[in-house]
Amino acid sequence: MPDTPASFDELYAAHYADLTVQLYAYFGDRQEAQDIAQEAFCRALARWRTVSGYDDPVAWIRRVAWNLAVSRWRRTRTALGFLRKQRLAEAQVAGPGPERVALVAALGTLPPAQRRAMVLRYLADMTIAEIADREGVAEGTVKSWLHRARAALAAQLDPTDTTAQEARRA
């Protein structure tokens, strides 16, 4: 009996292409056929001591490949059946408008403490006292962060506003 890895290698070289063609004819998808053939040969290699003792190891590999193909086909059929039962059209959600994109970009330019204060105050609806407690700072510090952040945002979002320009200089 030849060395086990060499005989597996020979078997693989001699029968991989044939098995792939058979599976391709069944699936109609070359990539799926190659994947299943590879998986069947991998399973044969993992059990090679047993499989090599069979009268026809190729028949065992072919059977494993066909079982894998049928299982994959069934999973695909089940998934397609599920998809057919779903709503035909999902509601389309409009993307963010230019104002929101500009606001998010402007928030990104703020120092982290000011950005957190703005988000907590205006998006999380927290009071100044709650923000101060959460951040571990005085309420006056939070007010200062909010004031500076609003001024910076105003300058970025409406550069023609003279009040914002004055606030930025201050």
C-alpha atoms as a PDB file:
ATOM      1  CA  MET A   1       0.000   0.000   0.000  1.00  0.00           C
ATOM      2  CA  PRO A   2       1.452   3.404  -0.954  1.00  0.00           C
ATOM      3  CA  ASP A   3       2.118   6.106   1.629  1.00  0.00           C
ATOM      4  CA  THR A   4      -1.216   7.504   2.866  1.00  0.00           C
ATOM      5  CA  PRO A   5      -0.744  11.199   1.971  1.00  0.00           C
ATOM      6  CA  ALA A   6       0.599  10.334  -1.504  1.00  0.00           C
ATOM      7  CA  SER A   7      -2.350   8.045  -2.268  1.00  0.00           C
ATOM      8  CA  PHE A   8      -4.778  10.738  -1.121  1.00  0.00           C
ATOM      9  CA  ASP A   9      -2.941  13.288  -3.242  1.00  0.00           C
ATOM     10  CA  GLU A  10      -3.128  10.972  -6.243  1.00  0.00           C
ATOM     11  CA  LEU A  11      -6.819  10.335  -5.672  1.00  0.00           C
ATOM     12  CA  TYR A  12      -7.459  14.064  -5.325  1.00  0.00           C
ATOM     13  CA  ALA A  13      -5.522  14.903  -8.487  1.00  0.00           C
ATOM     14  CA  ALA A  14      -7.287  12.203 -10.469  1.00  0.00           C
ATOM     15  CA  HIS A  15     -10.881  12.847  -9.357  1.00  0.00           C
ATOM     16  CA  TYR A  16     -11.309  16.437  -8.165  1.00  0.00           C
ATOM     17  CA  ALA A  17     -12.012  17.845 -11.634  1.00  0.00           C
ATOM     18  CA  ASP A  18     -14.519  15.087 -12.494  1.00  0.00           C
ATOM     19  CA  LEU A  19     -16.402  15.572  -9.253  1.00  0.00           C
ATOM     20  CA  THR A  20     -16.456  19.335  -9.757  1.00  0.00           C
ATOM     21  CA  VAL A  21     -17.925  18.907 -13.259  1.00  0.00           C
ATOM     22  CA  GLN A  22     -20.641  16.606 -11.914  1.00  0.00           C
ATOM     23  CA  LEU A  23     -21.528  19.056  -9.164  1.00  0.00           C
ATOM     24  CA  TYR A  24     -21.446  21.964 -11.612  1.00  0.00           C
ATOM     25  CA  ALA A  25     -23.969  20.148 -13.777  1.00  0.00           C
ATOM     26  CA  TYR A  26     -26.165  19.716 -10.689  1.00  0.00           C
ATOM     27  CA  PHE A  27     -25.794  23.231  -9.257  1.00  0.00           C
ATOM     28  CA  GLY A  28     -25.180  25.343 -12.313  1.00  0.00           C
ATOM     29  CA  ASP A  29     -22.706  27.344 -10.239  1.00  0.00           C
ATOM     30  CA  ARG A  30     -19.010  26.633 -10.659  1.00  0.00           C
ATOM     31  CA  GLN A  31     -17.976  28.260  -7.372  1.00  0.00           C
ATOM     32  CA  GLU A  32     -20.518  26.235  -5.382  1.00  0.00           C
ATOM     33  CA  ALA A  33     -19.395  23.061  -7.159  1.00  0.00           C
ATOM     34  CA  GLN A  34     -15.746  23.752  -6.342  1.00  0.00           C
ATOM     35  CA  ASP A  35     -16.559  24.562  -2.718  1.00  0.00           C
ATOM     36  CA  ILE A  36     -18.540  21.364  -2.233  1.00  0.00           C
ATOM     37  CA  ALA A  37     -15.909  19.211  -3.947  1.00  0.00           C
ATOM     38  CA  GLN A  38     -13.234  20.735  -1.707  1.00  0.00           C
ATOM     39  CA  GLU A  39     -15.337  20.105   1.386  1.00  0.00           C
ATOM     40  CA  ALA A  40     -15.916  16.464   0.397  1.00  0.00           C
ATOM     41  CA  PHE A  41     -12.196  15.895  -0.129  1.00  0.00           C
ATOM     42  CA  CYS A  42     -11.399  17.649   3.173  1.00  0.00           C
ATOM     43  CA  ARG A  43     -13.750  15.307   4.986  1.00  0.00           C
ATOM     44  CA  ALA A  44     -12.140  12.342   3.244  1.00  0.00           C
ATOM     45  CA  LEU A  45      -8.676  13.512   4.286  1.00  0.00           C
ATOM     46  CA  ALA A  46      -9.806  13.882   7.898  1.00  0.00           C
ATOM     47  CA  ARG A  47     -10.968  10.229   7.837  1.00  0.00           C
ATOM     48  CA  TRP A  48      -8.367   8.957   5.412  1.00  0.00           C
ATOM     49  CA  ARG A  49      -7.312   5.972   7.510  1.00  0.00           C
ATOM     50  CA  THR A  50     -10.864   4.632   7.277  1.00  0.00           C
ATOM     51  CA  VAL A  51     -11.764   5.883   3.793  1.00  0.00           C
ATOM     52  CA  SER A  52      -8.593   4.537   2.203  1.00  0.00           C
ATOM     53  CA  GLY A  53      -9.618   1.047   3.306  1.00  0.00           C
ATOM     54  CA  TYR A  54     -12.896   1.168   1.368  1.00  0.00           C
ATOM     55  CA  ASP A  55     -13.203  -0.726  -1.898  1.00  0.00           C
ATOM     56  CA  ASP A  56     -13.954   2.546  -3.715  1.00  0.00           C
ATOM     57  CA  PRO A  57     -12.912   5.670  -1.772  1.00  0.00           C
ATOM     58  CA  VAL A  58     -14.002   7.856  -4.681  1.00  0.00           C
ATOM     59  CA  ALA A  59     -17.560   6.566  -4.324  1.00  0.00           C
ATOM     60  CA  TRP A  60     -17.524   7.601  -0.655  1.00  0.00           C
ATOM     61  CA  ILE A  61     -16.226  11.068  -1.557  1.00  0.00           C
ATOM     62  CA  ARG A  62     -18.837  11.400  -4.316  1.00  0.00           C
ATOM     63  CA  ARG A  63     -21.611  10.404  -1.885  1.00  0.00           C
ATOM     64  CA  VAL A  64     -20.396  12.966   0.662  1.00  0.00           C
ATOM     65  CA  ALA A  65     -20.271  15.627  -2.049  1.00  0.00           C
ATOM     66  CA  TRP A  66     -23.797  14.839  -3.229  1.00  0.00           C
ATOM     67  CA  ASN A  67     -25.083  14.899   0.352  1.00  0.00           C
ATOM     68  CA  LEU A  68     -23.441  18.292   0.865  1.00  0.00           C
ATOM     69  CA  ALA A  69     -24.931  19.544  -2.409  1.00  0.00           C
ATOM     70  CA  VAL A  70     -28.430  18.401  -1.457  1.00  0.00           C
ATOM     71  CA  SER A  71     -28.097  19.958   2.003  1.00  0.00           C
ATOM     72  CA  ARG A  72     -26.956  23.254   0.516  1.00  0.00           C
ATOM     73  CA  TRP A  73     -29.774  23.155  -2.029  1.00  0.00           C
ATOM     74  CA  ARG A  74     -32.313  22.553   0.754  1.00  0.00           C
ATOM     75  CA  ARG A  75     -30.950  25.413   2.832  1.00  0.00           C
ATOM     76  CA  THR A  76     -31.141  27.685  -0.196  1.00  0.00           C
ATOM     77  CA  ARG A  77     -34.697  26.577  -0.965  1.00  0.00           C
ATOM     78  CA  THR A  78     -35.743  27.220   2.647  1.00  0.00           C
ATOM     79  CA  ALA A  79     -34.109  30.658   2.618  1.00  0.00           C
ATOM     80  CA  LEU A  80     -35.799  31.570  -0.661  1.00  0.00           C
ATOM     81  CA  GLY A  81     -39.149  30.407   0.702  1.00  0.00           C
ATOM     82  CA  PHE A  82     -38.644  32.632   3.705  1.00  0.00           C
ATOM     83  CA  LEU A  83     -37.719  35.590   1.513  1.00  0.00           C
ATOM     84  CA  ARG A  84     -40.818  35.110  -0.646  1.00  0.00           C
ATOM     85  CA  LYS A  85     -42.985  35.448   2.457  1.00  0.00           C
ATOM     86  CA  GLN A  86     -41.427  38.767   3.381  1.00  0.00           C
ATOM     87  CA  ARG A  87     -42.826  42.114   2.351  1.00  0.00           C
ATOM     88  CA  LEU A  88     -42.093  42.915  -1.242  1.00  0.00           C
ATOM     89  CA  ALA A  89     -40.907  46.440  -0.648  1.00  0.00           C
ATOM     90  CA  GLU A  90     -39.355  47.790   2.475  1.00  0.00           C
ATOM     91  CA  ALA A  91     -40.178  51.359   3.338  1.00  0.00           C
ATOM     92  CA  GLN A  92     -37.466  53.634   2.073  1.00  0.00           C
ATOM     93  CA  VAL A  93     -35.941  55.869   4.681  1.00  0.00           C
ATOM     94  CA  ALA A  94     -34.532  59.075   3.351  1.00  0.00           C
ATOM     95  CA  GLY A  95     -30.883  59.626   4.050  1.00  0.00           C
ATOM     96  CA  PRO A  96     -29.696  62.498   6.169  1.00  0.00           C
ATOM     97  CA  GLY A  97     -30.303  65.921   4.686  1.00  0.00           C
ATOM     98  CA  PRO A  98     -27.504  68.367   4.003  1.00  0.00           C
ATOM     99  CA  GLU A  99     -28.254  70.227   7.241  1.00  0.00           C
ATOM    100  CA  ARG A 100     -27.794  67.083   9.324  1.00  0.00           C
ATOM    101  CA  VAL A 101     -24.585  66.178   7.503  1.00  0.00           C
ATOM    102  CA  ALA A 102     -23.254  69.688   8.108  1.00  0.00           C
ATOM    103  CA  LEU A 103     -24.256  69.529  11.785  1.00  0.00           C
ATOM    104  CA  VAL A 104     -22.551  66.168  12.350  1.00  0.00           C
ATOM    105  CA  ALA A 105     -19.413  67.411  10.583  1.00  0.00           C
ATOM    106  CA  ALA A 106     -19.433  70.593  12.681  1.00  0.00           C
ATOM    107  CA  LEU A 107     -19.923  68.616  15.906  1.00  0.00           C
ATOM    108  CA  GLY A 108     -16.910  66.557  14.931  1.00  0.00           C
ATOM    109  CA  THR A 109     -14.706  69.654  15.002  1.00  0.00           C
ATOM    110  CA  LEU A 110     -15.593  70.512  18.608  1.00  0.00           C
ATOM    111  CA  PRO A 111     -13.354  69.496  21.506  1.00  0.00           C
ATOM    112  CA  PRO A 112     -14.610  66.257  23.095  1.00  0.00           C
ATOM    113  CA  ALA A 113     -15.953  67.892  26.275  1.00  0.00           C
ATOM    114  CA  GLN A 114     -17.954  70.484  24.328  1.00  0.00           C
ATOM    115  CA  ARG A 115     -19.260  67.844  21.917  1.00  0.00           C
ATOM    116  CA  ARG A 116     -20.377  65.612  24.813  1.00  0.00           C
ATOM    117  CA  ALA A 117     -22.083  68.556  26.505  1.00  0.00           C
ATOM    118  CA  MET A 118     -23.980  69.454  23.315  1.00  0.00           C
ATOM    119  CA  VAL A 119     -25.061  65.887  22.688  1.00  0.00           C
ATOM    120  CA  LEU A 120     -26.145  65.321  26.284  1.00  0.00           C
ATOM    121  CA  ARG A 121     -28.003  68.652  26.480  1.00  0.00           C
ATOM    122  CA  TYR A 122     -29.758  68.699  23.117  1.00  0.00           C
ATOM    123  CA  LEU A 123     -30.023  65.065  22.097  1.00  0.00           C
ATOM    124  CA  ALA A 124     -30.268  63.312  25.468  1.00  0.00           C
ATOM    125  CA  ASP A 125     -32.323  66.166  27.007  1.00  0.00           C
ATOM    126  CA  MET A 126     -30.226  66.242  30.158  1.00  0.00           C
ATOM    127  CA  THR A 127     -30.196  69.291  32.385  1.00  0.00           C
ATOM    128  CA  ILE A 128     -27.055  71.270  33.017  1.00  0.00           C
ATOM    129  CA  ALA A 129     -26.946  69.890  36.556  1.00  0.00           C
ATOM    130  CA  GLU A 130     -27.188  66.300  35.260  1.00  0.00           C
ATOM    131  CA  ILE A 131     -24.405  66.895  32.749  1.00  0.00           C
ATOM    132  CA  ALA A 132     -22.205  68.472  35.432  1.00  0.00           C
ATOM    133  CA  ASP A 133     -22.800  65.519  37.716  1.00  0.00           C
ATOM    134  CA  ARG A 134     -22.085  63.004  34.943  1.00  0.00           C
ATOM    135  CA  GLU A 135     -18.915  64.782  33.830  1.00  0.00           C
ATOM    136  CA  GLY A 136     -17.749  65.524  37.371  1.00  0.00           C
ATOM    137  CA  VAL A 137     -17.438  69.280  36.808  1.00  0.00           C
ATOM    138  CA  ALA A 138     -19.151  72.434  38.046  1.00  0.00           C
ATOM    139  CA  GLU A 139     -22.367  73.637  36.396  1.00  0.00           C
ATOM    140  CA  GLY A 140     -20.583  76.805  35.312  1.00  0.00           C
ATOM    141  CA  THR A 141     -18.101  74.675  33.380  1.00  0.00           C
ATOM    142  CA  VAL A 142     -20.922  72.936  31.528  1.00  0.00           C
ATOM    143  CA  LYS A 143     -22.513  76.320  30.732  1.00  0.00           C
ATOM    144  CA  SER A 144     -19.167  77.516  29.401  1.00  0.00           C
ATOM    145  CA  TRP A 145     -18.763  74.399  27.226  1.00  0.00           C
ATOM    146  CA  LEU A 146     -22.274  74.832  25.839  1.00  0.00           C
ATOM    147  CA  HIS A 147     -21.755  78.525  25.144  1.00  0.00           C
ATOM    148  CA  ARG A 148     -18.449  77.925  23.344  1.00  0.00           C
ATOM    149  CA  ALA A 149     -19.860  74.969  21.421  1.00  0.00           C
ATOM    150  CA  ARG A 150     -22.917  76.930  20.262  1.00  0.00           C
ATOM    151  CA  ALA A 151     -20.701  79.796  19.135  1.00  0.00           C
ATOM    152  CA  ALA A 152     -18.379  77.465  17.250  1.00  0.00           C
ATOM    153  CA  LEU A 153     -21.284  75.667  15.608  1.00  0.00           C
ATOM    154  CA  ALA A 154     -22.964  78.937  14.664  1.00  0.00           C
ATOM    155  CA  ALA A 155     -19.763  80.124  13.018  1.00  0.00           C
ATOM    156  CA  GLN A 156     -19.392  76.903  11.065  1.00  0.00           C
ATOM    157  CA  LEU A 157     -23.004  76.475  10.063  1.00  0.00           C
ATOM    158  CA  ASP A 158     -23.768  80.093   9.107  1.00  0.00           C
ATOM    159  CA  PRO A 159     -20.537  81.933   8.246  1.00  0.00           C
ATOM    160  CA  THR A 160     -22.468  85.013   7.017  1.00  0.00           C
ATOM    161  CA  ASP A 161     -23.926  85.634  10.485  1.00  0.00           C
ATOM    162  CA  THR A 162     -22.063  88.583  11.985  1.00  0.00           C
ATOM    163  CA  THR A 163     -23.071  87.605  15.544  1.00  0.00           C
ATOM    164  CA  ALA A 164     -21.394  84.232  15.110  1.00  0.00           C
ATOM    165  CA  GLN A 165     -18.269  85.900  13.771  1.00  0.00           C
ATOM    166  CA  GLU A 166     -18.166  88.185  16.811  1.00  0.00           C
ATOM    167  CA  ALA A 167     -18.668  85.217  19.145  1.00  0.00           C
ATOM    168  CA  ARG A 168     -15.808  83.407  17.454  1.00  0.00           C
ATOM    169  CA  ARG A 169     -13.486  86.377  17.979  1.00  0.00           C
ATOM    170  CA  ALA A 170     -14.431  86.629  21.669  1.00  0.00           C
END
